[in-house]
Structure formats: structure tokens, C-alpha cells
Amino acid sequence: MSIKDIIIVPDETLKKISDPVEKVGEAEKKLINDLFDTMYNSNGIGLAAVQVGVLKRILVVDVSTKEEKKKPMCFINPIIRKLSDDMSIYEEGCLSIPDTFIEIQRPKICEVEFIDIDGKINNLKCDGLLSTCLQHEINHLDGKLIIDHLSKLKRDLIVKKISKNKKDPDRIIV
């Protein structure tokens, strides 16, 4: 298990569509453990494999609070089967878009079909933060980011700011 580097915008890898996993083998299990280590180390609640440069349809989430016991969940080849008409708004952040939070409106409830770490097919109906987090991470697998919900002007400003900060890591943003 190891902590991976998280890819940051404007890296074009984040725009690529991830490939389905054919078989859950040792390499996939190691990747899942690395994703959990990386996510927890970065204080995130979700992480897709593409965010560490691996174009496989694998993601991990844990929406437990600091007071709760950890509830790590992994999703392989997740497919959203159903979305509710009821909507909710969360202020979403993204480990690949540092220091950026955007209010995003998404369906409140989603039903997801996925393969677990043991290779078994599962279905999960979820709402609230878990629903939002899963939709966010599945968007990553499809090459979509939260900034894609913004106008081109706002999106370009955020990417420009992040690119500047990468070039000058000692720069302080107020």
C-alpha cells in the first residue's frame, strides 16, 4: 500500500474516459488499497483511479464523519441505474482541483450497480452525501469535473489560478 500523487487540473488525463475492469485481480486490489491510503492522507471522501493516473473504472469513498468509525467502500465498474427527480445542492470540492468549492445541484437519490472487491455484483440505493459523492466520482470515470458545471469563463479562471499556484508553490492565496 502506498500514497499516490493526485493529478491536478489542467492535466488532460482527467478528461479521459476510464476503461472497464475485466477481472478483479491482485493489481486491482492493490490499487484499491492505494486509493484508500491516498484519499485518507488527503482528507478526501472520494477518489477515482483516474485521479492518480490509472484509467480503470474504480473508485473509493468514505463519507463517515471524524466521530464515526470509518466506512470505506469501493466501487468497480459503477453504473448509475436510476436517479431521482428530487434534487439537492452540496458545496463540492475535489482533490484534483485544490482550494475550490462549487455548489452543484444533483439528483438527491441514486441507484448504483457495481462490482465489489470480491468480484460480486451489487446494487446500492443511496441519498444525501453518499449519493452526491458517488455521482461526483463516477463523473471522474467519464472524464467530467465539477468545473464542467461552470461557464467557460469561470472554469478558465479557476484553472489559471491553480496553474499559477503549481508554478509558484510558496505563493499565498488570500
Foldseek 3Di string as FASTA:
>chain_A
DEAADFAAPPPQLLQDAADADPDLDPVNVVLLVNQVVNCVVLVHFKDASSRRPHRFQKMWGWPDDPVDDTDIFMFGPKDWPDFDPAKDWDFDDDPRQPPHTDIDIGGFKTKIWGAGSVRDIDIDIDGDPVRVRVVQRSCSNNSDHPLVVDDPVVSVVSSVVVVVCVVPVVDDDD
